[in-house]
Amino acid sequence: MKPPVVHPRVLWGLLGLNLAVYVVWHSWGLDHVDTMRAHFLVSLEGVLSGRIWTLLTSEFSHVDATHLLVNLLCLYMFGRAVEQVIGSVKLVGLYVAGAITASL
């Protein structure tokens, strides 16, 4: 059996996406809060109105810096180990499946 293919940029990409969304949330100001809520927070109303992507994009929203840092640390620590076992592509699949499952 071949070892899984690991691309370290995949895990760093997930970490970067989380950080980028946090920065946007906290730097855009009040002018764009409604836009961020509509596209990065999951709600039954949003999903029923067709914004099904919020089941995934809400995964990248964090309340405060502590929430973000703990999640990034856990993703890095566990993500590296999981990625070594299942590979980068399956890690992304697991991340997406976990995000959607958590949102549901």
PDB file of N, CA and C in Angstrom:
ATOM      1  N   MET A   1       0.841  -1.183   0.000  1.00  0.00           N
ATOM      2  CA  MET A   1       0.000   0.000   0.000  1.00  0.00           C
ATOM      3  C   MET A   1       0.886   1.247   0.000  1.00  0.00           C
ATOM      4  N   LYS A   2       0.568   2.190  -0.890  1.00  0.00           N
ATOM      5  CA  LYS A   2       1.344   3.420  -0.987  1.00  0.00           C
ATOM      6  C   LYS A   2       1.027   4.344   0.180  1.00  0.00           C
ATOM      7  N   PRO A   3       2.033   5.090   0.636  1.00  0.00           N
ATOM      8  CA  PRO A   3       1.743   6.091   1.670  1.00  0.00           C
ATOM      9  C   PRO A   3       0.907   7.218   1.080  1.00  0.00           C
ATOM     10  N   PRO A   4       0.069   7.882   1.899  1.00  0.00           N
ATOM     11  CA  PRO A   4      -0.772   8.964   1.391  1.00  0.00           C
ATOM     12  C   PRO A   4       0.080  10.151   0.922  1.00  0.00           C
ATOM     13  N   VAL A   5      -0.447  10.882  -0.048  1.00  0.00           N
ATOM     14  CA  VAL A   5       0.232  12.061  -0.562  1.00  0.00           C
ATOM     15  C   VAL A   5      -0.047  13.235   0.367  1.00  0.00           C
ATOM     16  N   VAL A   6       1.028  13.855   0.828  1.00  0.00           N
ATOM     17  CA  VAL A   6       0.910  14.978   1.761  1.00  0.00           C
ATOM     18  C   VAL A   6       1.476  16.230   1.096  1.00  0.00           C
ATOM     19  N   HIS A   7       0.655  17.257   1.026  1.00  0.00           N
ATOM     20  CA  HIS A   7       1.055  18.562   0.518  1.00  0.00           C
ATOM     21  C   HIS A   7       0.914  19.551   1.671  1.00  0.00           C
ATOM     22  N   PRO A   8       2.015  19.921   2.328  1.00  0.00           N
ATOM     23  CA  PRO A   8       1.929  20.786   3.508  1.00  0.00           C
ATOM     24  C   PRO A   8       1.177  22.087   3.261  1.00  0.00           C
ATOM     25  N   ARG A   9       1.137  22.541   2.028  1.00  0.00           N
ATOM     26  CA  ARG A   9       0.422  23.791   1.742  1.00  0.00           C
ATOM     27  C   ARG A   9      -1.078  23.662   1.980  1.00  0.00           C
ATOM     28  N   VAL A  10      -1.597  22.453   1.934  1.00  0.00           N
ATOM     29  CA  VAL A  10      -3.037  22.250   2.151  1.00  0.00           C
ATOM     30  C   VAL A  10      -3.406  22.626   3.584  1.00  0.00           C
ATOM     31  N   LEU A  11      -2.695  22.096   4.550  1.00  0.00           N
ATOM     32  CA  LEU A  11      -2.978  22.418   5.950  1.00  0.00           C
ATOM     33  C   LEU A  11      -2.744  23.903   6.208  1.00  0.00           C
ATOM     34  N   TRP A  12      -1.644  24.446   5.681  1.00  0.00           N
ATOM     35  CA  TRP A  12      -1.377  25.872   5.856  1.00  0.00           C
ATOM     36  C   TRP A  12      -2.446  26.710   5.178  1.00  0.00           C
ATOM     37  N   GLY A  13      -3.004  26.224   4.082  1.00  0.00           N
ATOM     38  CA  GLY A  13      -4.095  26.931   3.408  1.00  0.00           C
ATOM     39  C   GLY A  13      -5.344  26.998   4.280  1.00  0.00           C
ATOM     40  N   LEU A  14      -5.680  25.889   4.925  1.00  0.00           N
ATOM     41  CA  LEU A  14      -6.833  25.887   5.834  1.00  0.00           C
ATOM     42  C   LEU A  14      -6.607  26.834   7.006  1.00  0.00           C
ATOM     43  N   LEU A  15      -5.408  26.807   7.549  1.00  0.00           N
ATOM     44  CA  LEU A  15      -5.080  27.730   8.641  1.00  0.00           C
ATOM     45  C   LEU A  15      -5.182  29.177   8.164  1.00  0.00           C
ATOM     46  N   GLY A  16      -4.656  29.445   6.976  1.00  0.00           N
ATOM     47  CA  GLY A  16      -4.692  30.797   6.416  1.00  0.00           C
ATOM     48  C   GLY A  16      -6.097  31.283   6.133  1.00  0.00           C
ATOM     49  N   LEU A  17      -6.959  30.395   5.623  1.00  0.00           N
ATOM     50  CA  LEU A  17      -8.354  30.780   5.373  1.00  0.00           C
ATOM     51  C   LEU A  17      -9.055  31.176   6.669  1.00  0.00           C
ATOM     52  N   ASN A  18      -8.837  30.417   7.711  1.00  0.00           N
ATOM     53  CA  ASN A  18      -9.425  30.762   9.007  1.00  0.00           C
ATOM     54  C   ASN A  18      -8.951  32.128   9.475  1.00  0.00           C
ATOM     55  N   LEU A  19      -7.663  32.369   9.370  1.00  0.00           N
ATOM     56  CA  LEU A  19      -7.098  33.651   9.793  1.00  0.00           C
ATOM     57  C   LEU A  19      -7.611  34.794   8.919  1.00  0.00           C
ATOM     58  N   ALA A  20      -7.670  34.578   7.613  1.00  0.00           N
ATOM     59  CA  ALA A  20      -8.121  35.628   6.692  1.00  0.00           C
ATOM     60  C   ALA A  20      -9.563  36.035   6.962  1.00  0.00           C
ATOM     61  N   VAL A  21     -10.434  35.065   7.183  1.00  0.00           N
ATOM     62  CA  VAL A  21     -11.838  35.389   7.462  1.00  0.00           C
ATOM     63  C   VAL A  21     -11.947  36.137   8.782  1.00  0.00           C
ATOM     64  N   TYR A  22     -11.167  35.750   9.780  1.00  0.00           N
ATOM     65  CA  TYR A  22     -11.165  36.466  11.052  1.00  0.00           C
ATOM     66  C   TYR A  22     -10.741  37.925  10.854  1.00  0.00           C
ATOM     67  N   VAL A  23      -9.699  38.135  10.079  1.00  0.00           N
ATOM     68  CA  VAL A  23      -9.214  39.493   9.827  1.00  0.00           C
ATOM     69  C   VAL A  23     -10.282  40.312   9.104  1.00  0.00           C
ATOM     70  N   VAL A  24     -10.940  39.719   8.126  1.00  0.00           N
ATOM     71  CA  VAL A  24     -12.002  40.445   7.410  1.00  0.00           C
ATOM     72  C   VAL A  24     -13.139  40.802   8.361  1.00  0.00           C
ATOM     73  N   TRP A  25     -13.571  39.841   9.172  1.00  0.00           N
ATOM     74  CA  TRP A  25     -14.635  40.101  10.149  1.00  0.00           C
ATOM     75  C   TRP A  25     -14.298  41.297  11.031  1.00  0.00           C
ATOM     76  N   HIS A  26     -13.043  41.383  11.454  1.00  0.00           N
ATOM     77  CA  HIS A  26     -12.657  42.386  12.445  1.00  0.00           C
ATOM     78  C   HIS A  26     -12.054  43.657  11.865  1.00  0.00           C
ATOM     79  N   SER A  27     -11.933  43.734  10.566  1.00  0.00           N
ATOM     80  CA  SER A  27     -11.355  44.943   9.984  1.00  0.00           C
ATOM     81  C   SER A  27     -12.293  45.679   9.032  1.00  0.00           C
ATOM     82  N   TRP A  28     -13.323  45.023   8.549  1.00  0.00           N
ATOM     83  CA  TRP A  28     -14.225  45.668   7.590  1.00  0.00           C
ATOM     84  C   TRP A  28     -15.090  46.741   8.220  1.00  0.00           C
ATOM     85  N   GLY A  29     -15.377  46.646   9.479  1.00  0.00           N
ATOM     86  CA  GLY A  29     -16.214  47.641  10.133  1.00  0.00           C
ATOM     87  C   GLY A  29     -17.697  47.357   9.940  1.00  0.00           C
ATOM     88  N   LEU A  30     -18.488  48.241  10.473  1.00  0.00           N
ATOM     89  CA  LEU A  30     -19.943  48.051  10.497  1.00  0.00           C
ATOM     90  C   LEU A  30     -20.587  48.095   9.118  1.00  0.00           C
ATOM     91  N   ASP A  31     -19.931  48.712   8.137  1.00  0.00           N
ATOM     92  CA  ASP A  31     -20.507  48.815   6.806  1.00  0.00           C
ATOM     93  C   ASP A  31     -20.752  47.458   6.162  1.00  0.00           C
ATOM     94  N   HIS A  32     -19.960  46.462   6.533  1.00  0.00           N
ATOM     95  CA  HIS A  32     -20.053  45.156   5.876  1.00  0.00           C
ATOM     96  C   HIS A  32     -20.496  44.025   6.801  1.00  0.00           C
ATOM     97  N   VAL A  33     -20.933  44.339   8.004  1.00  0.00           N
ATOM     98  CA  VAL A  33     -21.337  43.297   8.946  1.00  0.00           C
ATOM     99  C   VAL A  33     -22.488  42.465   8.385  1.00  0.00           C
ATOM    100  N   ASP A  34     -23.461  43.101   7.762  1.00  0.00           N
ATOM    101  CA  ASP A  34     -24.591  42.353   7.210  1.00  0.00           C
ATOM    102  C   ASP A  34     -24.137  41.394   6.112  1.00  0.00           C
ATOM    103  N   THR A  35     -23.174  41.820   5.303  1.00  0.00           N
ATOM    104  CA  THR A  35     -22.651  40.951   4.246  1.00  0.00           C
ATOM    105  C   THR A  35     -21.947  39.749   4.852  1.00  0.00           C
ATOM    106  N   MET A  36     -21.122  39.975   5.849  1.00  0.00           N
ATOM    107  CA  MET A  36     -20.420  38.876   6.498  1.00  0.00           C
ATOM    108  C   MET A  36     -21.401  37.926   7.174  1.00  0.00           C
ATOM    109  N   ARG A  37     -22.404  38.474   7.860  1.00  0.00           N
ATOM    110  CA  ARG A  37     -23.411  37.612   8.508  1.00  0.00           C
ATOM    111  C   ARG A  37     -24.146  36.755   7.479  1.00  0.00           C
ATOM    112  N   ALA A  38     -24.490  37.362   6.352  1.00  0.00           N
ATOM    113  CA  ALA A  38     -25.248  36.641   5.328  1.00  0.00           C
ATOM    114  C   ALA A  38     -24.443  35.502   4.711  1.00  0.00           C
ATOM    115  N   HIS A  39     -23.127  35.645   4.653  1.00  0.00           N
ATOM    116  CA  HIS A  39     -22.316  34.667   3.939  1.00  0.00           C
ATOM    117  C   HIS A  39     -21.392  33.822   4.812  1.00  0.00           C
ATOM    118  N   PHE A  40     -21.220  34.198   6.093  1.00  0.00           N
ATOM    119  CA  PHE A  40     -20.296  33.461   6.951  1.00  0.00           C
ATOM    120  C   PHE A  40     -20.894  33.015   8.279  1.00  0.00           C
ATOM    121  N   LEU A  41     -22.200  33.151   8.442  1.00  0.00           N
ATOM    122  CA  LEU A  41     -22.891  32.581   9.602  1.00  0.00           C
ATOM    123  C   LEU A  41     -24.012  31.699   9.081  1.00  0.00           C
ATOM    124  N   VAL A  42     -24.139  30.521   9.657  1.00  0.00           N
ATOM    125  CA  VAL A  42     -25.179  29.600   9.209  1.00  0.00           C
ATOM    126  C   VAL A  42     -26.453  29.842  10.009  1.00  0.00           C
ATOM    127  N   SER A  43     -27.573  29.797   9.317  1.00  0.00           N
ATOM    128  CA  SER A  43     -28.880  29.895   9.957  1.00  0.00           C
ATOM    129  C   SER A  43     -29.874  29.132   9.099  1.00  0.00           C
ATOM    130  N   LEU A  44     -30.939  28.687   9.720  1.00  0.00           N
ATOM    131  CA  LEU A  44     -31.980  27.992   8.976  1.00  0.00           C
ATOM    132  C   LEU A  44     -32.551  28.913   7.904  1.00  0.00           C
ATOM    133  N   GLU A  45     -32.791  30.156   8.262  1.00  0.00           N
ATOM    134  CA  GLU A  45     -33.312  31.138   7.306  1.00  0.00           C
ATOM    135  C   GLU A  45     -32.377  31.288   6.105  1.00  0.00           C
ATOM    136  N   GLY A  46     -31.083  31.387   6.358  1.00  0.00           N
ATOM    137  CA  GLY A  46     -30.113  31.538   5.273  1.00  0.00           C
ATOM    138  C   GLY A  46     -30.078  30.334   4.351  1.00  0.00           C
ATOM    139  N   VAL A  47     -30.075  29.144   4.933  1.00  0.00           N
ATOM    140  CA  VAL A  47     -30.041  27.920   4.128  1.00  0.00           C
ATOM    141  C   VAL A  47     -31.325  27.784   3.316  1.00  0.00           C
ATOM    142  N   LEU A  48     -32.477  28.048   3.946  1.00  0.00           N
ATOM    143  CA  LEU A  48     -33.749  27.946   3.236  1.00  0.00           C
ATOM    144  C   LEU A  48     -33.885  28.993   2.136  1.00  0.00           C
ATOM    145  N   SER A  49     -33.164  30.102   2.267  1.00  0.00           N
ATOM    146  CA  SER A  49     -33.227  31.128   1.224  1.00  0.00           C
ATOM    147  C   SER A  49     -32.165  30.899   0.146  1.00  0.00           C
ATOM    148  N   GLY A  50     -31.470  29.769   0.211  1.00  0.00           N
ATOM    149  CA  GLY A  50     -30.553  29.396  -0.854  1.00  0.00           C
ATOM    150  C   GLY A  50     -29.081  29.603  -0.553  1.00  0.00           C
ATOM    151  N   ARG A  51     -28.743  30.127   0.610  1.00  0.00           N
ATOM    152  CA  ARG A  51     -27.329  30.338   0.943  1.00  0.00           C
ATOM    153  C   ARG A  51     -26.760  29.094   1.627  1.00  0.00           C
ATOM    154  N   ILE A  52     -26.777  27.982   0.883  1.00  0.00           N
ATOM    155  CA  ILE A  52     -26.317  26.704   1.448  1.00  0.00           C
ATOM    156  C   ILE A  52     -24.814  26.686   1.703  1.00  0.00           C
ATOM    157  N   TRP A  53     -24.063  27.570   1.035  1.00  0.00           N
ATOM    158  CA  TRP A  53     -22.618  27.623   1.262  1.00  0.00           C
ATOM    159  C   TRP A  53     -22.283  28.014   2.692  1.00  0.00           C
ATOM    160  N   THR A  54     -23.240  28.620   3.406  1.00  0.00           N
ATOM    161  CA  THR A  54     -22.960  28.999   4.790  1.00  0.00           C
ATOM    162  C   THR A  54     -22.753  27.778   5.687  1.00  0.00           C
ATOM    163  N   LEU A  55     -23.226  26.604   5.234  1.00  0.00           N
ATOM    164  CA  LEU A  55     -22.953  25.377   5.975  1.00  0.00           C
ATOM    165  C   LEU A  55     -21.445  25.126   6.041  1.00  0.00           C
ATOM    166  N   LEU A  56     -20.705  25.596   5.039  1.00  0.00           N
ATOM    167  CA  LEU A  56     -19.253  25.459   5.016  1.00  0.00           C
ATOM    168  C   LEU A  56     -18.546  26.729   5.477  1.00  0.00           C
ATOM    169  N   THR A  57     -18.961  27.877   4.977  1.00  0.00           N
ATOM    170  CA  THR A  57     -18.228  29.110   5.275  1.00  0.00           C
ATOM    171  C   THR A  57     -18.297  29.509   6.742  1.00  0.00           C
ATOM    172  N   SER A  58     -19.332  29.072   7.449  1.00  0.00           N
ATOM    173  CA  SER A  58     -19.414  29.393   8.885  1.00  0.00           C
ATOM    174  C   SER A  58     -18.264  28.753   9.660  1.00  0.00           C
ATOM    175  N   GLU A  59     -17.682  27.706   9.107  1.00  0.00           N
ATOM    176  CA  GLU A  59     -16.534  27.037   9.729  1.00  0.00           C
ATOM    177  C   GLU A  59     -15.356  27.990   9.921  1.00  0.00           C
ATOM    178  N   PHE A  60     -15.285  29.012   9.096  1.00  0.00           N
ATOM    179  CA  PHE A  60     -14.147  29.927   9.120  1.00  0.00           C
ATOM    180  C   PHE A  60     -14.389  31.167   9.983  1.00  0.00           C
ATOM    181  N   SER A  61     -15.557  31.254  10.620  1.00  0.00           N
ATOM    182  CA  SER A  61     -15.877  32.408  11.471  1.00  0.00           C
ATOM    183  C   SER A  61     -15.566  32.095  12.930  1.00  0.00           C
ATOM    184  N   HIS A  62     -14.949  33.054  13.605  1.00  0.00           N
ATOM    185  CA  HIS A  62     -14.575  32.887  15.000  1.00  0.00           C
ATOM    186  C   HIS A  62     -14.983  34.119  15.791  1.00  0.00           C
ATOM    187  N   VAL A  63     -15.456  33.916  17.003  1.00  0.00           N
ATOM    188  CA  VAL A  63     -15.982  34.988  17.841  1.00  0.00           C
ATOM    189  C   VAL A  63     -14.897  35.962  18.278  1.00  0.00           C
ATOM    190  N   ASP A  64     -13.782  35.437  18.756  1.00  0.00           N
ATOM    191  CA  ASP A  64     -12.719  36.310  19.249  1.00  0.00           C
ATOM    192  C   ASP A  64     -11.362  35.654  18.997  1.00  0.00           C
ATOM    193  N   ALA A  65     -10.304  36.347  19.382  1.00  0.00           N
ATOM    194  CA  ALA A  65      -8.949  35.877  19.110  1.00  0.00           C
ATOM    195  C   ALA A  65      -8.645  34.555  19.823  1.00  0.00           C
ATOM    196  N   THR A  66      -9.142  34.387  21.040  1.00  0.00           N
ATOM    197  CA  THR A  66      -8.904  33.139  21.766  1.00  0.00           C
ATOM    198  C   THR A  66      -9.553  31.968  21.042  1.00  0.00           C
ATOM    199  N   HIS A  67     -10.775  32.146  20.603  1.00  0.00           N
ATOM    200  CA  HIS A  67     -11.488  31.118  19.845  1.00  0.00           C
ATOM    201  C   HIS A  67     -10.688  30.751  18.595  1.00  0.00           C
ATOM    202  N   LEU A  68     -10.230  31.756  17.866  1.00  0.00           N
ATOM    203  CA  LEU A  68      -9.447  31.527  16.661  1.00  0.00           C
ATOM    204  C   LEU A  68      -8.144  30.793  16.980  1.00  0.00           C
ATOM    205  N   LEU A  69      -7.404  31.276  17.963  1.00  0.00           N
ATOM    206  CA  LEU A  69      -6.097  30.685  18.268  1.00  0.00           C
ATOM    207  C   LEU A  69      -6.200  29.239  18.734  1.00  0.00           C
ATOM    208  N   VAL A  70      -7.187  28.933  19.567  1.00  0.00           N
ATOM    209  CA  VAL A  70      -7.370  27.551  20.022  1.00  0.00           C
ATOM    210  C   VAL A  70      -7.727  26.661  18.836  1.00  0.00           C
ATOM    211  N   ASN A  71      -8.623  27.123  17.971  1.00  0.00           N
ATOM    212  CA  ASN A  71      -8.994  26.324  16.804  1.00  0.00           C
ATOM    213  C   ASN A  71      -7.812  26.127  15.855  1.00  0.00           C
ATOM    214  N   LEU A  72      -7.024  27.185  15.635  1.00  0.00           N
ATOM    215  CA  LEU A  72      -5.856  27.064  14.759  1.00  0.00           C
ATOM    216  C   LEU A  72      -4.832  26.100  15.347  1.00  0.00           C
ATOM    217  N   LEU A  73      -4.610  26.184  16.642  1.00  0.00           N
ATOM    218  CA  LEU A  73      -3.664  25.284  17.301  1.00  0.00           C
ATOM    219  C   LEU A  73      -4.123  23.828  17.176  1.00  0.00           C
ATOM    220  N   CYS A  74      -5.392  23.580  17.439  1.00  0.00           N
ATOM    221  CA  CYS A  74      -5.925  22.215  17.329  1.00  0.00           C
ATOM    222  C   CYS A  74      -5.860  21.720  15.892  1.00  0.00           C
ATOM    223  N   LEU A  75      -6.224  22.575  14.949  1.00  0.00           N
ATOM    224  CA  LEU A  75      -6.161  22.186  13.540  1.00  0.00           C
ATOM    225  C   LEU A  75      -4.730  21.856  13.147  1.00  0.00           C
ATOM    226  N   TYR A  76      -3.789  22.650  13.586  1.00  0.00           N
ATOM    227  CA  TYR A  76      -2.387  22.398  13.252  1.00  0.00           C
ATOM    228  C   TYR A  76      -1.895  21.100  13.882  1.00  0.00           C
ATOM    229  N   MET A  77      -2.142  20.945  15.176  1.00  0.00           N
ATOM    230  CA  MET A  77      -1.631  19.767  15.893  1.00  0.00           C
ATOM    231  C   MET A  77      -2.261  18.472  15.379  1.00  0.00           C
ATOM    232  N   PHE A  78      -3.583  18.448  15.325  1.00  0.00           N
ATOM    233  CA  PHE A  78      -4.259  17.231  14.896  1.00  0.00           C
ATOM    234  C   PHE A  78      -4.238  17.087  13.376  1.00  0.00           C
ATOM    235  N   GLY A  79      -4.332  18.212  12.685  1.00  0.00           N
ATOM    236  CA  GLY A  79      -4.343  18.182  11.224  1.00  0.00           C
ATOM    237  C   GLY A  79      -3.086  17.579  10.640  1.00  0.00           C
ATOM    238  N   ARG A  80      -1.930  17.916  11.218  1.00  0.00           N
ATOM    239  CA  ARG A  80      -0.666  17.343  10.725  1.00  0.00           C
ATOM    240  C   ARG A  80      -0.661  15.829  10.886  1.00  0.00           C
ATOM    241  N   ALA A  81      -1.082  15.351  12.042  1.00  0.00           N
ATOM    242  CA  ALA A  81      -1.085  13.907  12.299  1.00  0.00           C
ATOM    243  C   ALA A  81      -2.075  13.197  11.383  1.00  0.00           C
ATOM    244  N   VAL A  82      -3.273  13.752  11.258  1.00  0.00           N
ATOM    245  CA  VAL A  82      -4.291  13.146  10.399  1.00  0.00           C
ATOM    246  C   VAL A  82      -3.833  13.157   8.948  1.00  0.00           C
ATOM    247  N   GLU A  83      -3.245  14.268   8.518  1.00  0.00           N
ATOM    248  CA  GLU A  83      -2.772  14.390   7.139  1.00  0.00           C
ATOM    249  C   GLU A  83      -1.704  13.338   6.818  1.00  0.00           C
ATOM    250  N   GLN A  84      -0.847  13.026   7.783  1.00  0.00           N
ATOM    251  CA  GLN A  84       0.182  12.011   7.572  1.00  0.00           C
ATOM    252  C   GLN A  84      -0.433  10.625   7.350  1.00  0.00           C
ATOM    253  N   VAL A  85      -1.585  10.388   7.969  1.00  0.00           N
ATOM    254  CA  VAL A  85      -2.230   9.082   7.873  1.00  0.00           C
ATOM    255  C   VAL A  85      -3.125   8.975   6.634  1.00  0.00           C
ATOM    256  N   ILE A  86      -3.923  10.016   6.359  1.00  0.00           N
ATOM    257  CA  ILE A  86      -4.912   9.898   5.275  1.00  0.00           C
ATOM    258  C   ILE A  86      -4.567  10.706   4.030  1.00  0.00           C
ATOM    259  N   GLY A  87      -3.600  11.619   4.127  1.00  0.00           N
ATOM    260  CA  GLY A  87      -3.219  12.429   2.978  1.00  0.00           C
ATOM    261  C   GLY A  87      -3.958  13.758   2.945  1.00  0.00           C
ATOM    262  N   SER A  88      -3.451  14.646   2.113  1.00  0.00           N
ATOM    263  CA  SER A  88      -3.970  16.013   2.057  1.00  0.00           C
ATOM    264  C   SER A  88      -5.377  16.099   1.482  1.00  0.00           C
ATOM    265  N   VAL A  89      -5.639  15.371   0.418  1.00  0.00           N
ATOM    266  CA  VAL A  89      -6.957  15.444  -0.223  1.00  0.00           C
ATOM    267  C   VAL A  89      -8.039  14.964   0.731  1.00  0.00           C
ATOM    268  N   LYS A  90      -7.796  13.862   1.400  1.00  0.00           N
ATOM    269  CA  LYS A  90      -8.785  13.333   2.343  1.00  0.00           C
ATOM    270  C   LYS A  90      -8.910  14.236   3.576  1.00  0.00           C
ATOM    271  N   LEU A  91      -7.829  14.923   3.951  1.00  0.00           N
ATOM    272  CA  LEU A  91      -7.912  15.873   5.058  1.00  0.00           C
ATOM    273  C   LEU A  91      -8.892  16.995   4.719  1.00  0.00           C
ATOM    274  N   VAL A  92      -8.805  17.513   3.514  1.00  0.00           N
ATOM    275  CA  VAL A  92      -9.750  18.557   3.092  1.00  0.00           C
ATOM    276  C   VAL A  92     -11.171  18.004   3.089  1.00  0.00           C
ATOM    277  N   GLY A  93     -11.351  16.792   2.592  1.00  0.00           N
ATOM    278  CA  GLY A  93     -12.673  16.169   2.609  1.00  0.00           C
ATOM    279  C   GLY A  93     -13.212  16.012   4.014  1.00  0.00           C
ATOM    280  N   LEU A  94     -12.356  15.594   4.934  1.00  0.00           N
ATOM    281  CA  LEU A  94     -12.746  15.443   6.334  1.00  0.00           C
ATOM    282  C   LEU A  94     -13.104  16.795   6.937  1.00  0.00           C
ATOM    283  N   TYR A  95     -12.325  17.826   6.622  1.00  0.00           N
ATOM    284  CA  TYR A  95     -12.580  19.177   7.124  1.00  0.00           C
ATOM    285  C   TYR A  95     -13.927  19.682   6.631  1.00  0.00           C
ATOM    286  N   VAL A  96     -14.185  19.524   5.348  1.00  0.00           N
ATOM    287  CA  VAL A  96     -15.458  19.966   4.759  1.00  0.00           C
ATOM    288  C   VAL A  96     -16.623  19.177   5.349  1.00  0.00           C
ATOM    289  N   ALA A  97     -16.475  17.870   5.441  1.00  0.00           N
ATOM    290  CA  ALA A  97     -17.547  17.045   6.020  1.00  0.00           C
ATOM    291  C   ALA A  97     -17.808  17.426   7.472  1.00  0.00           C
ATOM    292  N   GLY A  98     -16.752  17.681   8.225  1.00  0.00           N
ATOM    293  CA  GLY A  98     -16.905  18.091   9.622  1.00  0.00           C
ATOM    294  C   GLY A  98     -17.588  19.433   9.739  1.00  0.00           C
ATOM    295  N   ALA A  99     -17.223  20.358   8.856  1.00  0.00           N
ATOM    296  CA  ALA A  99     -17.850  21.697   8.874  1.00  0.00           C
ATOM    297  C   ALA A  99     -19.343  21.613   8.604  1.00  0.00           C
ATOM    298  N   ILE A 100     -19.699  20.870   7.580  1.00  0.00           N
ATOM    299  CA  ILE A 100     -21.111  20.751   7.210  1.00  0.00           C
ATOM    300  C   ILE A 100     -21.892  20.017   8.300  1.00  0.00           C
ATOM    301  N   THR A 101     -21.307  18.958   8.831  1.00  0.00           N
ATOM    302  CA  THR A 101     -21.955  18.199   9.904  1.00  0.00           C
ATOM    303  C   THR A 101     -22.163  19.089  11.132  1.00  0.00           C
ATOM    304  N   ALA A 102     -21.151  19.853  11.496  1.00  0.00           N
ATOM    305  CA  ALA A 102     -21.278  20.753  12.647  1.00  0.00           C
ATOM    306  C   ALA A 102     -22.352  21.800  12.416  1.00  0.00           C
ATOM    307  N   SER A 103     -22.451  22.301  11.199  1.00  0.00           N
ATOM    308  CA  SER A 103     -23.462  23.318  10.887  1.00  0.00           C
ATOM    309  C   SER A 103     -24.876  22.743  10.937  1.00  0.00           C
ATOM    310  N   LEU A 104     -25.011  21.491  10.511  1.00  0.00           N
ATOM    311  CA  LEU A 104     -26.336  20.880  10.545  1.00  0.00           C
ATOM    312  C   LEU A 104     -26.780  20.632  11.973  1.00  0.00           C
TER     313      LEU A 104
END
